[in-house]
C-alpha atoms as a PDB file:
ATOM      1  CA  UNK A   1      13.672   4.449 -51.816  1.00  0.00           C
ATOM      2  CA  UNK A   2      14.024   8.188 -50.836  1.00  0.00           C
ATOM      3  CA  UNK A   3      11.337  10.036 -48.498  1.00  0.00           C
ATOM      4  CA  UNK A   4       9.448  11.642 -51.466  1.00  0.00           C
ATOM      5  CA  UNK A   5       8.838   8.086 -53.087  1.00  0.00           C
ATOM      6  CA  UNK A   6       7.830   7.053 -49.878  1.00  0.00           C
ATOM      7  CA  UNK A   7       5.355   9.736 -49.421  1.00  0.00           C
ATOM      8  CA  UNK A   8       4.242   9.475 -52.931  1.00  0.00           C
ATOM      9  CA  UNK A   9       3.470   5.741 -52.794  1.00  0.00           C
ATOM     10  CA  UNK A  10       1.862   6.504 -49.325  1.00  0.00           C
ATOM     11  CA  UNK A  11      -0.774   8.845 -50.961  1.00  0.00           C
ATOM     12  CA  UNK A  12      -1.521   6.882 -53.694  1.00  0.00           C
ATOM     13  CA  UNK A  13      -3.083   4.151 -51.120  1.00  0.00           C
ATOM     14  CA  UNK A  14      -6.578   4.125 -50.549  1.00  0.00           C
ATOM     15  CA  UNK A  15      -7.702   6.375 -47.550  1.00  0.00           C
ATOM     16  CA  UNK A  16      -8.253   3.616 -44.967  1.00  0.00           C
ATOM     17  CA  UNK A  17      -4.665   2.356 -45.650  1.00  0.00           C
ATOM     18  CA  UNK A  18      -3.205   6.177 -45.352  1.00  0.00           C
ATOM     19  CA  UNK A  19      -5.209   6.483 -41.960  1.00  0.00           C
ATOM     20  CA  UNK A  20      -3.885   3.545 -40.687  1.00  0.00           C
ATOM     21  CA  UNK A  21      -0.271   4.670 -41.259  1.00  0.00           C
ATOM     22  CA  UNK A  22      -0.847   7.997 -39.956  1.00  0.00           C
ATOM     23  CA  UNK A  23      -2.257   6.726 -36.937  1.00  0.00           C
ATOM     24  CA  UNK A  24       0.433   4.485 -36.503  1.00  0.00           C
ATOM     25  CA  UNK A  25       3.215   7.149 -37.168  1.00  0.00           C
ATOM     26  CA  UNK A  26       1.420   9.309 -34.574  1.00  0.00           C
ATOM     27  CA  UNK A  27       1.099   7.010 -31.889  1.00  0.00           C
ATOM     28  CA  UNK A  28       4.996   6.412 -32.634  1.00  0.00           C
ATOM     29  CA  UNK A  29       5.691   9.786 -31.645  1.00  0.00           C
ATOM     30  CA  UNK A  30       3.263  10.123 -28.843  1.00  0.00           C
ATOM     31  CA  UNK A  31       2.513   6.915 -27.233  1.00  0.00           C
ATOM     32  CA  UNK A  32      -1.663   6.997 -26.454  1.00  0.00           C
ATOM     33  CA  UNK A  33      -2.655   7.854 -22.820  1.00  0.00           C
ATOM     34  CA  UNK A  34      -6.051   8.214 -21.533  1.00  0.00           C
ATOM     35  CA  UNK A  35      -5.131  12.054 -20.893  1.00  0.00           C
ATOM     36  CA  UNK A  36      -3.720  12.390 -24.673  1.00  0.00           C
ATOM     37  CA  UNK A  37      -6.786  10.409 -25.847  1.00  0.00           C
ATOM     38  CA  UNK A  38      -8.905  13.139 -24.192  1.00  0.00           C
ATOM     39  CA  UNK A  39      -7.017  16.022 -25.433  1.00  0.00           C
ATOM     40  CA  UNK A  40      -6.985  14.630 -28.946  1.00  0.00           C
ATOM     41  CA  UNK A  41     -11.007  14.195 -28.899  1.00  0.00           C
ATOM     42  CA  UNK A  42     -11.367  17.713 -27.707  1.00  0.00           C
ATOM     43  CA  UNK A  43      -8.961  18.820 -30.150  1.00  0.00           C
ATOM     44  CA  UNK A  44     -11.118  17.176 -32.934  1.00  0.00           C
ATOM     45  CA  UNK A  45     -14.194  18.148 -31.686  1.00  0.00           C
ATOM     46  CA  UNK A  46     -13.365  21.857 -31.554  1.00  0.00           C
ATOM     47  CA  UNK A  47     -11.745  21.601 -35.104  1.00  0.00           C
ATOM     48  CA  UNK A  48     -15.356  19.670 -36.287  1.00  0.00           C
ATOM     49  CA  UNK A  49     -16.957  22.488 -35.065  1.00  0.00           C
ATOM     50  CA  UNK A  50     -14.999  25.188 -36.734  1.00  0.00           C
ATOM     51  CA  UNK A  51     -15.016  23.224 -39.948  1.00  0.00           C
ATOM     52  CA  UNK A  52     -19.094  23.166 -39.681  1.00  0.00           C
ATOM     53  CA  UNK A  53     -19.466  26.730 -39.133  1.00  0.00           C
ATOM     54  CA  UNK A  54     -17.157  27.824 -42.010  1.00  0.00           C
ATOM     55  CA  UNK A  55     -14.255  29.032 -40.003  1.00  0.00           C
ATOM     56  CA  UNK A  56     -11.853  26.436 -40.962  1.00  0.00           C
ATOM     57  CA  UNK A  57     -11.245  25.689 -44.497  1.00  0.00           C
ATOM     58  CA  UNK A  58     -10.256  22.223 -45.883  1.00  0.00           C
ATOM     59  CA  UNK A  59      -7.266  21.555 -47.684  1.00  0.00           C
ATOM     60  CA  UNK A  60      -6.249  18.902 -50.197  1.00  0.00           C
ATOM     61  CA  UNK A  61      -3.514  16.680 -48.619  1.00  0.00           C
ATOM     62  CA  UNK A  62      -1.933  16.126 -52.105  1.00  0.00           C
ATOM     63  CA  UNK A  63      -1.781  19.807 -52.645  1.00  0.00           C
ATOM     64  CA  UNK A  64      -0.391  20.326 -49.136  1.00  0.00           C
ATOM     65  CA  UNK A  65       2.499  17.733 -49.388  1.00  0.00           C
ATOM     66  CA  UNK A  66       3.517  18.891 -52.613  1.00  0.00           C
ATOM     67  CA  UNK A  67       3.757  22.503 -51.496  1.00  0.00           C
ATOM     68  CA  UNK A  68       5.982  21.299 -48.544  1.00  0.00           C
ATOM     69  CA  UNK A  69       7.991  19.547 -50.767  1.00  0.00           C
ATOM     70  CA  UNK A  70       8.529  22.346 -53.202  1.00  0.00           C
ATOM     71  CA  UNK A  71       9.276  24.746 -50.290  1.00  0.00           C
ATOM     72  CA  UNK A  72      11.709  22.512 -48.338  1.00  0.00           C
ATOM     73  CA  UNK A  73      13.033  19.627 -50.763  1.00  0.00           C
ATOM     74  CA  UNK A  74      16.712  19.514 -50.355  1.00  0.00           C
END
Protein backbone atom coordinates (compact mmCIF):
# COMPACT_ATOMS: atom_id res chain seq x y z
CA UNK A 1 0.00 0.00 0.00
CA UNK A 2 1.47 3.36 -0.99
CA UNK A 3 1.16 6.66 0.87
CA UNK A 4 -1.74 7.95 -1.23
CA UNK A 5 -3.70 4.74 -0.64
CA UNK A 6 -3.08 4.99 3.10
CA UNK A 7 -4.23 8.61 3.17
CA UNK A 8 -7.29 7.84 1.06
CA UNK A 9 -8.17 5.01 3.43
CA UNK A 10 -7.67 7.22 6.49
CA UNK A 11 -9.77 10.01 5.00
CA UNK A 12 -12.61 7.57 4.45
CA UNK A 13 -12.76 6.81 8.18
CA UNK A 14 -15.32 8.40 10.51
CA UNK A 15 -14.27 11.68 12.10
CA UNK A 16 -13.55 10.15 15.51
CA UNK A 17 -11.15 7.60 14.04
CA UNK A 18 -9.39 10.23 11.91
CA UNK A 19 -8.99 12.37 15.02
CA UNK A 20 -7.50 9.41 16.90
CA UNK A 21 -4.92 8.81 14.16
CA UNK A 22 -4.10 12.51 13.88
CA UNK A 23 -3.55 12.72 17.62
CA UNK A 24 -1.44 9.55 17.61
CA UNK A 25 0.79 10.82 14.79
CA UNK A 26 1.23 14.25 16.35
CA UNK A 27 2.19 12.72 19.67
CA UNK A 28 4.74 10.51 17.92
CA UNK A 29 6.38 13.63 16.43
CA UNK A 30 6.14 15.82 19.49
CA UNK A 31 5.63 13.87 22.72
CA UNK A 32 3.25 15.70 25.05
CA UNK A 33 4.59 17.73 27.93
CA UNK A 34 2.76 20.18 30.10
CA UNK A 35 4.51 23.04 28.28
CA UNK A 36 3.53 21.64 24.85
CA UNK A 37 -0.03 21.11 26.03
CA UNK A 38 -0.22 24.71 27.23
CA UNK A 39 1.10 26.04 23.89
CA UNK A 40 -1.33 23.88 21.90
CA UNK A 41 -4.25 25.02 24.04
CA UNK A 42 -3.29 28.66 23.51
CA UNK A 43 -2.95 28.17 19.75
CA UNK A 44 -6.31 26.40 19.52
CA UNK A 45 -8.07 29.08 21.57
CA UNK A 46 -6.57 31.80 19.36
CA UNK A 47 -7.55 30.06 16.12
CA UNK A 48 -11.05 29.32 17.40
CA UNK A 49 -11.48 33.00 18.20
CA UNK A 50 -10.22 33.90 14.71
CA UNK A 51 -12.73 31.47 13.17
CA UNK A 52 -15.60 32.85 15.23
CA UNK A 53 -14.93 36.44 14.18
CA UNK A 54 -14.47 35.44 10.56
CA UNK A 55 -10.73 36.11 10.21
CA UNK A 56 -9.97 32.45 9.46
CA UNK A 57 -11.78 30.39 6.87
CA UNK A 58 -12.18 26.66 7.35
CA UNK A 59 -11.21 24.47 4.41
CA UNK A 60 -12.42 21.03 3.45
CA UNK A 61 -9.67 18.60 4.48
CA UNK A 62 -10.19 16.31 1.51
CA UNK A 63 -9.80 19.24 -0.88
CA UNK A 64 -6.61 20.34 0.86
CA UNK A 65 -5.06 16.86 0.74
CA UNK A 66 -6.02 16.49 -2.93
CA UNK A 67 -4.37 19.81 -3.78
CA UNK A 68 -1.22 18.79 -1.93
CA UNK A 69 -1.09 15.44 -3.73
CA UNK A 70 -1.65 17.11 -7.08
CA UNK A 71 1.15 19.58 -6.43
CA UNK A 72 3.72 17.30 -4.82
CA UNK A 73 2.97 13.79 -6.13
CA UNK A 74 6.05 12.09 -7.48
